[in-house]
């Protein structure tokens, strides 16, 4: 059974990490954990009849959407675990992370991978809610792992906002369970049952339930106005964790919104909810972009960019056409990979300059060429420049949105230009500065290249290769997978 495989590997990995006494062993078991999850996911995709219930229970379900998200999750965790080998060692060497926290870091990392995977495999909405809450706890622990006051504050803010908003989702669960029970005699929160009987549900009550559920899921994904935790948590967390927060954890909330919208779009509430999602998508992009324009903190810039892209994903879901959904799903993959490369690059630059501030960065391409080019290429990719994959995803989403609202598309295009200007401003100011341009002060000291382990460079180079390939070549197996998801969600 696929579910038992994930649970067994997760439990064994956690036990091995707990018994390990060296950083090398903990990191090795973490890497093996992620590779095993990747292997199980590929096995499920290639050899198992999907969709199918798991463990003889209606509460766990494997379909193409869940396995797609699980594979993205395992891939990002694998890259982050490889990167963490050298990165975590550097944190301990710089005394930013107490060595006593090492085991806690890898245990939380392992538990986060397992609970995120179980969230995507949950067929029951209440079960999904529980696992989503657990991912908040474990990811907050990883944010606070450095034990600095600002990290602890960011973690507490994250828990307070995300978990507080999820209480509204709990109210939505009660509404939805009651609504289903009144119509069909007994209540349920299973995705499959809700999809099958959605046309029988009252559009007004379903809309009310969706709004409450949206509040919690939107907070999980950093959607305006529930986004205030995101910039602090993503910028203060260790870069290996920031990549996971942006590339994986934000997807959990969007996954819940997409599943619920697939139910709603089968009813007369579709148009109202579609407009609701597009409005919040626009507001999210606008708030993020305005914060990016004059940003002076490297990781803050990347964090607000994550928020911007969540807004575009929300817009793609709200458009609600099969083509828009297809490219929204592709966007999820492209964003996850690209954002991970940016945070990995930012982690190396922070080690070099001991700062994320623009005024402290200089001689980048001389001191750290891999991280420097990784950030430059990642910046071009994340703003949607061709030939990178986000370009095609944005193009087709906006093309579909143009059929619904021309002013909305023009507003988004203007905001995307401003976002590009924010990245361009940062690149020009930080990456063209050399030591001879520095006046007086702390930055006047001579800088020598920080020795970066190969394990920290390989994930960046691997991601650059992947996004370049995806930008010019669309694999047939990926196209078939995304089409299967569109079909299973009732769009075709």
Protein backbone atom coordinates (compact mmCIF):
# COMPACT_ATOMS: atom_id res chain seq x y z
CA UNK A 1 0.00 0.00 0.00
CA UNK A 2 1.27 3.46 -0.92
CA UNK A 3 0.07 5.05 2.31
CA UNK A 4 1.71 2.37 4.45
CA UNK A 5 4.91 2.86 2.46
CA UNK A 6 4.97 6.58 3.25
CA UNK A 7 4.17 5.97 6.92
CA UNK A 8 6.78 3.23 7.29
CA UNK A 9 9.53 5.25 5.61
CA UNK A 10 8.61 8.32 7.67
CA UNK A 11 8.68 6.40 10.94
CA UNK A 12 11.96 4.63 10.14
CA UNK A 13 13.63 7.87 9.06
CA UNK A 14 12.50 9.65 12.19
CA UNK A 15 13.81 6.82 14.39
CA UNK A 16 17.19 6.77 12.60
CA UNK A 17 17.58 10.53 12.94
CA UNK A 18 16.69 10.27 16.63
CA UNK A 19 19.37 7.63 17.16
CA UNK A 20 22.03 9.40 15.09
CA UNK A 21 24.90 11.14 16.81
CA UNK A 22 26.50 13.06 13.92
CA UNK A 23 25.32 15.71 11.51
CA UNK A 24 26.49 13.64 8.54
CA UNK A 25 24.33 10.69 9.58
CA UNK A 26 21.24 12.83 10.23
CA UNK A 27 21.59 14.53 6.86
CA UNK A 28 22.15 11.20 5.09
CA UNK A 29 18.98 9.74 6.59
CA UNK A 30 17.10 12.90 5.65
CA UNK A 31 18.26 12.59 2.05
CA UNK A 32 17.31 8.89 1.97
CA UNK A 33 13.89 9.80 3.40
CA UNK A 34 13.22 12.24 0.56
CA UNK A 35 14.52 9.83 -2.09
CA UNK A 36 12.27 7.07 -0.76
CA UNK A 37 9.25 9.40 -0.90
CA UNK A 38 10.18 10.31 -4.48
CA UNK A 39 10.46 6.63 -5.39
CA UNK A 40 7.10 5.77 -3.81
CA UNK A 41 5.44 8.66 -5.63
CA UNK A 42 6.88 7.64 -8.99
CA UNK A 43 5.87 4.02 -8.34
CA UNK A 44 2.31 5.13 -7.56
CA UNK A 45 2.18 7.25 -10.70
CA UNK A 46 3.63 4.66 -13.05
CA UNK A 47 2.31 1.34 -11.77
CA UNK A 48 -0.76 1.94 -9.62
CA UNK A 49 -4.29 2.36 -10.92
CA UNK A 50 -5.00 6.00 -10.10
CA UNK A 51 -7.34 7.28 -8.72
CA UNK A 52 -7.79 4.80 -5.91
CA UNK A 53 -8.62 4.69 -2.22
CA UNK A 54 -5.76 3.85 0.11
CA UNK A 55 -5.43 1.44 3.04
CA UNK A 56 -8.93 0.10 2.48
CA UNK A 57 -10.33 3.40 3.76
CA UNK A 58 -12.32 6.19 2.19
CA UNK A 59 -10.28 8.73 4.16
CA UNK A 60 -7.13 8.47 2.02
CA UNK A 61 -7.22 8.80 -1.75
CA UNK A 62 -4.55 8.87 -4.45
CA UNK A 63 -5.43 10.69 -7.65
CA UNK A 64 -3.24 12.49 -10.16
CA UNK A 65 -3.49 15.84 -8.35
CA UNK A 66 -2.42 14.46 -4.99
CA UNK A 67 0.47 12.46 -6.46
CA UNK A 68 1.58 15.51 -8.50
CA UNK A 69 1.76 17.61 -5.33
CA UNK A 70 3.49 14.79 -3.43
CA UNK A 71 6.17 14.49 -6.12
CA UNK A 72 6.83 18.23 -6.10
CA UNK A 73 7.03 18.08 -2.30
CA UNK A 74 9.50 15.17 -2.29
CA UNK A 75 11.67 16.79 -4.98
CA UNK A 76 11.90 20.11 -3.12
CA UNK A 77 12.64 18.36 0.18
CA UNK A 78 15.36 16.30 -1.54
CA UNK A 79 17.04 19.42 -2.93
CA UNK A 80 16.72 21.17 0.44
CA UNK A 81 18.19 18.21 2.32
CA UNK A 82 21.20 18.07 -0.01
CA UNK A 83 21.65 21.83 0.41
CA UNK A 84 21.24 21.55 4.19
CA UNK A 85 24.34 19.39 4.59
CA UNK A 86 26.70 22.30 4.07
CA UNK A 87 24.28 25.06 4.98
CA UNK A 88 23.35 23.80 8.44
CA UNK A 89 27.03 23.15 9.18
CA UNK A 90 27.75 26.78 8.31
CA UNK A 91 24.96 27.95 10.61
CA UNK A 92 26.49 26.05 13.51
CA UNK A 93 29.99 27.26 12.66
CA UNK A 94 28.74 30.86 12.68
CA UNK A 95 26.97 30.13 16.00
CA UNK A 96 23.63 31.15 14.49
CA UNK A 97 22.15 27.73 15.24
CA UNK A 98 22.99 25.96 18.51
CA UNK A 99 24.43 22.48 17.93
CA UNK A 100 21.90 21.18 20.46
CA UNK A 101 19.15 22.09 17.97
CA UNK A 102 20.61 19.91 15.20
CA UNK A 103 18.54 16.83 15.99
CA UNK A 104 15.41 18.96 16.43
CA UNK A 105 16.01 20.48 12.98
CA UNK A 106 16.18 17.14 11.17
CA UNK A 107 13.32 15.61 13.15
CA UNK A 108 11.07 18.59 12.36
CA UNK A 109 12.24 18.42 8.74
CA UNK A 110 11.29 14.72 8.54
CA UNK A 111 7.94 15.22 10.26
CA UNK A 112 7.12 18.15 7.99
CA UNK A 113 7.75 16.05 4.87
CA UNK A 114 5.56 13.23 6.18
CA UNK A 115 2.65 15.40 7.35
CA UNK A 116 2.67 17.45 4.13
CA UNK A 117 2.50 14.24 2.10
CA UNK A 118 -0.36 12.92 4.23
CA UNK A 119 -2.22 16.22 3.79
CA UNK A 120 -2.12 15.81 0.01
CA UNK A 121 -3.25 12.18 0.27
CA UNK A 122 -6.19 12.98 2.58
CA UNK A 123 -9.58 12.40 0.98
CA UNK A 124 -11.38 13.79 4.02
CA UNK A 125 -11.46 17.56 4.44
CA UNK A 126 -11.28 17.36 8.25
CA UNK A 127 -8.25 15.08 8.01
CA UNK A 128 -6.66 17.50 5.54
CA UNK A 129 -7.33 20.32 8.03
CA UNK A 130 -5.53 18.38 10.80
CA UNK A 131 -2.47 17.62 8.69
CA UNK A 132 -2.36 21.20 7.40
CA UNK A 133 -2.29 22.41 11.01
CA UNK A 134 0.52 19.99 11.82
CA UNK A 135 2.56 21.36 8.92
CA UNK A 136 2.19 24.80 10.50
CA UNK A 137 3.58 23.52 13.80
CA UNK A 138 6.58 21.72 12.29
CA UNK A 139 7.44 24.49 9.84
CA UNK A 140 7.20 27.09 12.62
CA UNK A 141 9.67 24.98 14.63
CA UNK A 142 12.07 25.15 11.68
CA UNK A 143 11.65 28.92 11.47
CA UNK A 144 12.48 29.26 15.18
CA UNK A 145 15.37 26.78 15.06
CA UNK A 146 18.00 29.54 15.05
CA UNK A 147 16.78 30.61 18.52
CA UNK A 148 17.19 34.30 17.67
CA UNK A 149 14.50 36.60 19.04
CA UNK A 150 13.38 37.70 15.58
CA UNK A 151 13.04 34.07 14.47
CA UNK A 152 10.96 33.14 17.49
CA UNK A 153 8.78 36.21 16.94
CA UNK A 154 8.31 35.28 13.26
CA UNK A 155 7.40 31.68 14.17
CA UNK A 156 4.86 32.77 16.78
CA UNK A 157 3.33 35.27 14.35
CA UNK A 158 3.09 32.50 11.75
CA UNK A 159 1.35 30.13 14.16
CA UNK A 160 -1.00 32.80 15.51
CA UNK A 161 -2.17 34.04 12.09
CA UNK A 162 -2.25 30.73 10.21
CA UNK A 163 -3.84 28.70 13.01
CA UNK A 164 -6.19 31.52 13.97
CA UNK A 165 -7.45 31.70 10.39
CA UNK A 166 -7.79 27.92 10.28
CA UNK A 167 -10.38 28.21 13.06
CA UNK A 168 -12.61 29.90 10.49
CA UNK A 169 -12.02 26.94 8.21
CA UNK A 170 -13.22 24.71 11.01
CA UNK A 171 -16.52 26.63 11.00
CA UNK A 172 -16.65 26.05 7.25
CA UNK A 173 -16.20 22.32 7.88
CA UNK A 174 -19.20 22.31 10.21
CA UNK A 175 -21.32 24.19 7.64
CA UNK A 176 -20.30 21.81 4.87
CA UNK A 177 -20.88 18.66 6.94
CA UNK A 178 -24.33 19.89 8.03
CA UNK A 179 -25.26 20.94 4.49
CA UNK A 180 -24.33 17.55 3.06
CA UNK A 181 -26.23 15.76 5.84
CA UNK A 182 -29.42 17.77 5.24
CA UNK A 183 -29.39 16.93 1.53
CA UNK A 184 -28.27 13.29 1.58
CA UNK A 185 -29.26 12.09 5.04
CA UNK A 186 -25.79 11.69 6.55
CA UNK A 187 -22.93 14.15 6.59
CA UNK A 188 -19.48 13.67 5.09
CA UNK A 189 -16.39 15.74 4.34
CA UNK A 190 -14.81 13.39 1.81
CA UNK A 191 -13.64 15.10 -1.37
CA UNK A 192 -14.91 12.26 -3.54
CA UNK A 193 -18.43 12.34 -2.05
CA UNK A 194 -18.58 16.13 -2.25
CA UNK A 195 -17.53 16.06 -5.91
CA UNK A 196 -20.08 13.39 -6.75
CA UNK A 197 -23.04 15.14 -5.09
CA UNK A 198 -22.07 18.82 -5.48
CA UNK A 199 -25.02 19.69 -7.81
CA UNK A 200 -27.44 18.68 -5.01
CA UNK A 201 -25.99 21.15 -2.49
CA UNK A 202 -27.49 24.58 -1.83
CA UNK A 203 -25.39 27.20 -3.71
CA UNK A 204 -25.86 29.83 -0.98
CA UNK A 205 -24.83 27.57 1.88
CA UNK A 206 -21.98 26.13 -0.17
CA UNK A 207 -20.73 29.65 -0.87
CA UNK A 208 -20.85 30.51 2.83
CA UNK A 209 -18.93 27.34 3.65
CA UNK A 210 -16.38 28.11 0.92
CA UNK A 211 -15.73 31.61 2.29
CA UNK A 212 -14.98 30.27 5.78
CA UNK A 213 -12.75 27.54 4.39
CA UNK A 214 -11.03 30.08 2.15
CA UNK A 215 -9.96 32.19 5.13
CA UNK A 216 -7.88 29.37 6.61
CA UNK A 217 -6.48 28.08 3.32
CA UNK A 218 -5.70 31.61 2.13
CA UNK A 219 -3.78 32.35 5.34
CA UNK A 220 -1.81 29.16 4.77
CA UNK A 221 -0.86 30.42 1.29
CA UNK A 222 -0.13 34.04 2.21
CA UNK A 223 -3.15 35.52 0.42
CA UNK A 224 -4.10 39.13 1.27
CA UNK A 225 -5.17 40.15 3.92
CA UNK A 226 -3.94 37.05 5.79
CA UNK A 227 -0.39 37.38 4.47
CA UNK A 228 1.36 39.34 7.22
CA UNK A 229 3.17 36.30 8.62
CA UNK A 230 4.73 35.34 5.29
CA UNK A 231 7.45 38.01 4.77
CA UNK A 232 8.79 37.62 8.31
CA UNK A 233 8.74 33.81 8.39
CA UNK A 234 10.26 33.37 4.92
CA UNK A 235 12.97 35.98 5.40
CA UNK A 236 13.98 35.02 8.95
CA UNK A 237 14.00 31.23 8.44
CA UNK A 238 17.18 29.41 7.41
CA UNK A 239 17.33 29.46 3.60
CA UNK A 240 16.86 25.69 3.30
CA UNK A 241 13.62 26.13 5.26
CA UNK A 242 12.60 29.25 3.31
CA UNK A 243 12.75 27.20 0.10
CA UNK A 244 10.39 24.62 1.64
CA UNK A 245 8.02 27.25 3.01
CA UNK A 246 7.70 28.95 -0.37
CA UNK A 247 7.98 25.97 -2.69
CA UNK A 248 5.90 23.45 -0.74
CA UNK A 249 3.95 24.82 2.24
CA UNK A 250 2.20 27.57 0.29
CA UNK A 251 0.95 24.86 -2.08
CA UNK A 252 -0.96 23.21 0.76
CA UNK A 253 -3.40 26.10 1.09
CA UNK A 254 -3.77 26.48 -2.68
CA UNK A 255 -4.48 22.74 -2.91
CA UNK A 256 -7.37 23.12 -0.45
CA UNK A 257 -8.77 26.11 -2.36
CA UNK A 258 -8.54 24.26 -5.67
CA UNK A 259 -10.27 21.16 -4.29
CA UNK A 260 -13.11 23.24 -2.86
CA UNK A 261 -13.50 25.32 -6.02
CA UNK A 262 -13.79 22.10 -8.04
CA UNK A 263 -16.84 21.30 -5.87
CA UNK A 264 -18.32 24.80 -6.07
CA UNK A 265 -17.96 25.13 -9.87
CA UNK A 266 -20.55 22.35 -10.31
CA UNK A 267 -23.21 24.60 -8.77
CA UNK A 268 -24.81 27.95 -9.50
CA UNK A 269 -22.36 29.53 -7.02
CA UNK A 270 -19.55 29.19 -9.57
CA UNK A 271 -19.69 32.74 -10.98
CA UNK A 272 -19.79 34.46 -7.60
CA UNK A 273 -16.96 32.38 -6.16
CA UNK A 274 -14.91 32.80 -9.34
CA UNK A 275 -15.16 36.60 -9.05
CA UNK A 276 -14.35 36.33 -5.35
CA UNK A 277 -11.12 34.45 -6.09
CA UNK A 278 -10.05 36.79 -8.89
CA UNK A 279 -10.55 39.88 -6.71
CA UNK A 280 -8.44 38.43 -3.90
CA UNK A 281 -5.87 37.30 -6.44
CA UNK A 282 -5.57 40.85 -7.78
CA UNK A 283 -5.36 42.39 -4.30
CA UNK A 284 -2.68 39.87 -3.27
CA UNK A 285 -0.55 40.64 -6.33
CA UNK A 286 -0.96 44.40 -5.80
CA UNK A 287 0.07 44.37 -2.13
CA UNK A 288 3.03 42.09 -2.82
CA UNK A 289 4.30 44.09 -5.77
CA UNK A 290 4.12 47.43 -3.96
CA UNK A 291 6.21 45.95 -1.16
CA UNK A 292 8.73 44.59 -3.65
CA UNK A 293 9.35 47.84 -5.49
CA UNK A 294 11.66 49.52 -2.97
CA UNK A 295 12.70 46.44 -1.02
CA UNK A 296 16.26 46.51 0.36
CA UNK A 297 16.31 43.09 2.01
CA UNK A 298 17.15 40.23 -0.36
CA UNK A 299 15.08 37.52 1.34
CA UNK A 300 12.18 39.92 1.94
CA UNK A 301 12.14 40.60 -1.81
CA UNK A 302 11.90 36.88 -2.55
CA UNK A 303 9.27 36.42 0.18
CA UNK A 304 6.97 39.10 -1.24
CA UNK A 305 7.50 37.56 -4.67
CA UNK A 306 6.08 34.30 -3.27
CA UNK A 307 2.99 36.20 -2.19
CA UNK A 308 2.69 37.75 -5.66
CA UNK A 309 2.72 34.34 -7.33
CA UNK A 310 0.14 32.94 -4.93
CA UNK A 311 -2.11 35.76 -6.13
CA UNK A 312 -1.61 34.72 -9.75
CA UNK A 313 -2.34 31.08 -8.88
CA UNK A 314 -5.55 32.22 -7.19
CA UNK A 315 -6.43 34.17 -10.32
CA UNK A 316 -5.81 31.07 -12.44
CA UNK A 317 -8.09 28.97 -10.24
CA UNK A 318 -10.76 31.68 -10.31
CA UNK A 319 -10.79 31.88 -14.12
CA UNK A 320 -12.01 28.30 -13.96
CA UNK A 321 -11.47 27.15 -17.56
CA UNK A 322 -9.72 23.87 -18.40
CA UNK A 323 -6.82 25.69 -20.09
CA UNK A 324 -6.41 28.09 -17.16
CA UNK A 325 -6.33 25.18 -14.71
CA UNK A 326 -3.80 23.29 -16.86
CA UNK A 327 -1.37 26.21 -16.81
CA UNK A 328 -2.09 26.97 -13.16
CA UNK A 329 -0.96 23.45 -12.30
CA UNK A 330 2.16 23.88 -14.41
CA UNK A 331 2.72 27.23 -12.68
CA UNK A 332 2.81 25.44 -9.31
CA UNK A 333 5.76 23.34 -10.44
CA UNK A 334 7.60 26.21 -12.12
CA UNK A 335 7.17 28.50 -9.12
CA UNK A 336 8.26 25.87 -6.60
CA UNK A 337 11.49 25.14 -8.46
CA UNK A 338 12.36 28.74 -9.26
CA UNK A 339 11.68 30.03 -5.78
CA UNK A 340 13.82 27.28 -4.24
CA UNK A 341 16.75 28.32 -6.45
CA UNK A 342 16.37 31.94 -5.31
CA UNK A 343 16.33 31.05 -1.61
CA UNK A 344 19.27 28.65 -2.01
CA UNK A 345 21.25 31.41 -3.73
CA UNK A 346 20.24 33.89 -1.04
CA UNK A 347 21.49 31.50 1.63
CA UNK A 348 24.97 31.42 0.11
CA UNK A 349 25.01 35.21 -0.25
CA UNK A 350 24.01 35.58 3.40
CA UNK A 351 26.90 33.35 4.40
CA UNK A 352 29.23 35.51 2.30
CA UNK A 353 28.09 38.93 3.54
CA UNK A 354 26.51 38.00 6.88
CA UNK A 355 23.63 40.20 5.79
CA UNK A 356 20.62 40.25 3.48
CA UNK A 357 20.70 44.03 3.00
CA UNK A 358 21.38 45.54 -0.40
CA UNK A 359 24.02 47.97 0.89
CA UNK A 360 26.21 45.12 2.17
CA UNK A 361 26.34 43.17 -1.10
CA UNK A 362 29.21 43.74 -3.54
CA UNK A 363 31.54 41.86 -5.91
CA UNK A 364 28.92 39.11 -6.12
CA UNK A 365 30.01 37.44 -9.34
CA UNK A 366 33.63 37.42 -8.19
CA UNK A 367 33.02 36.19 -4.66
CA UNK A 368 30.11 33.79 -5.27
CA UNK A 369 29.59 33.18 -9.01
CA UNK A 370 27.23 30.20 -8.62
CA UNK A 371 24.94 32.00 -6.17
CA UNK A 372 25.23 35.24 -8.13
CA UNK A 373 24.25 33.69 -11.44
CA UNK A 374 21.70 31.54 -9.66
CA UNK A 375 20.00 34.65 -8.35
CA UNK A 376 20.23 36.50 -11.67
CA UNK A 377 18.81 33.59 -13.68
CA UNK A 378 16.24 32.89 -10.95
CA UNK A 379 15.16 36.54 -11.03
CA UNK A 380 14.65 36.45 -14.80
CA UNK A 381 12.69 33.21 -14.40
CA UNK A 382 10.51 34.36 -11.51
CA UNK A 383 9.38 37.59 -13.20
CA UNK A 384 8.26 35.55 -16.21
CA UNK A 385 10.91 36.28 -18.81
CA UNK A 386 11.05 33.90 -21.78
CA UNK A 387 12.19 31.17 -22.24
CA UNK A 388 11.54 30.23 -18.61
CA UNK A 389 8.41 28.17 -17.75
CA UNK A 390 6.64 30.83 -15.69
CA UNK A 391 6.40 32.94 -18.86
CA UNK A 392 4.22 30.45 -20.71
CA UNK A 393 2.13 29.74 -17.60
CA UNK A 394 1.45 33.44 -17.00
CA UNK A 395 0.74 34.06 -20.67
CA UNK A 396 -1.97 31.44 -20.99
CA UNK A 397 -3.57 32.22 -17.60
CA UNK A 398 -3.85 35.90 -18.52
CA UNK A 399 -5.06 34.99 -22.01
CA UNK A 400 -7.91 33.01 -20.45
CA UNK A 401 -8.59 35.78 -17.90
CA UNK A 402 -8.86 38.27 -20.79
CA UNK A 403 -12.15 36.62 -21.77
CA UNK A 404 -13.62 37.52 -18.37
CA UNK A 405 -12.21 40.97 -17.65
CA UNK A 406 -9.93 43.06 -19.83
CA UNK A 407 -9.32 45.70 -17.11
CA UNK A 408 -8.28 42.95 -14.68
CA UNK A 409 -5.67 41.64 -17.12
CA UNK A 410 -4.30 45.12 -17.81
CA UNK A 411 -4.04 45.77 -14.07
CA UNK A 412 -2.17 42.49 -13.56
CA UNK A 413 0.18 43.27 -16.45
CA UNK A 414 0.99 46.67 -14.95
CA UNK A 415 1.70 45.07 -11.57
CA UNK A 416 3.93 42.46 -13.19
CA UNK A 417 5.96 45.23 -14.82
CA UNK A 418 6.37 46.87 -11.40
CA UNK A 419 7.43 43.54 -9.89
CA UNK A 420 10.04 43.16 -12.64
CA UNK A 421 11.26 46.67 -11.87
CA UNK A 422 11.65 45.71 -8.21
CA UNK A 423 13.90 42.78 -9.09
CA UNK A 424 15.77 44.85 -11.68
CA UNK A 425 16.42 47.63 -9.18
CA UNK A 426 17.79 45.18 -6.63
CA UNK A 427 19.99 43.40 -9.18
CA UNK A 428 21.43 46.62 -10.55
CA UNK A 429 22.16 48.14 -7.15
CA UNK A 430 23.56 45.01 -5.50
CA UNK A 431 25.21 43.15 -8.35
CA UNK A 432 26.97 46.07 -10.02
CA UNK A 433 28.55 47.36 -6.80
CA UNK A 434 32.23 46.62 -6.29
CA UNK A 435 34.53 47.20 -3.32
CA UNK A 436 35.96 50.38 -4.83
CA UNK A 437 32.47 51.90 -4.81
CA UNK A 438 32.20 51.49 -1.03
CA UNK A 439 32.94 54.52 1.06
CA UNK A 440 33.53 54.10 4.75
CA UNK A 441 32.00 51.93 7.41
CA UNK A 442 31.69 48.24 8.20
CA UNK A 443 31.59 47.18 4.56
CA UNK A 444 35.04 48.67 3.95
CA UNK A 445 36.76 45.53 5.21
CA UNK A 446 38.33 43.26 2.60
CA UNK A 447 36.09 40.39 1.63
CA UNK A 448 37.38 36.96 0.70
CA UNK A 449 35.26 34.30 -1.00
CA UNK A 450 33.30 32.21 1.47
CA UNK A 451 34.05 28.53 0.86
CA UNK A 452 30.79 26.95 -0.26
CA UNK A 453 30.42 23.18 -0.26
CA UNK A 454 29.51 21.43 -3.49
CA UNK A 455 26.27 20.20 -1.89
CA UNK A 456 25.05 23.80 -1.62
CA UNK A 457 25.82 24.53 -5.27
CA UNK A 458 24.38 21.39 -6.84
CA UNK A 459 20.70 22.11 -5.98
CA UNK A 460 20.99 25.57 -7.56
CA UNK A 461 22.62 24.22 -10.73
CA UNK A 462 20.11 21.36 -10.91
CA UNK A 463 17.13 23.70 -10.66
CA UNK A 464 18.54 26.08 -13.27
CA UNK A 465 18.88 23.12 -15.62
CA UNK A 466 15.31 21.94 -14.90
CA UNK A 467 13.67 25.32 -15.43
CA UNK A 468 15.63 25.91 -18.64
CA UNK A 469 14.49 22.54 -19.98
CA UNK A 470 10.88 23.13 -18.93
CA UNK A 471 11.01 26.54 -20.58
CA UNK A 472 11.83 25.17 -24.03
CA UNK A 473 10.45 21.63 -23.88
CA UNK A 474 7.15 20.38 -22.47
CA UNK A 475 7.52 16.66 -21.63
CA UNK A 476 4.69 14.50 -22.91
CA UNK A 477 4.34 12.64 -19.60
CA UNK A 478 3.89 15.97 -17.77
CA UNK A 479 1.29 17.12 -20.28
CA UNK A 480 -0.62 13.85 -19.86
CA UNK A 481 -0.43 14.11 -16.06
CA UNK A 482 -1.80 17.66 -16.03
CA UNK A 483 -4.58 16.71 -18.45
CA UNK A 484 -5.54 13.82 -16.15
CA UNK A 485 -5.79 16.24 -13.22
CA UNK A 486 -7.97 18.62 -15.22
CA UNK A 487 -10.24 15.71 -16.17
CA UNK A 488 -10.48 14.29 -12.62
CA UNK A 489 -11.43 17.70 -11.23
CA UNK A 490 -14.40 17.79 -13.59
CA UNK A 491 -13.14 20.45 -16.00
CA UNK A 492 -13.33 18.25 -19.10
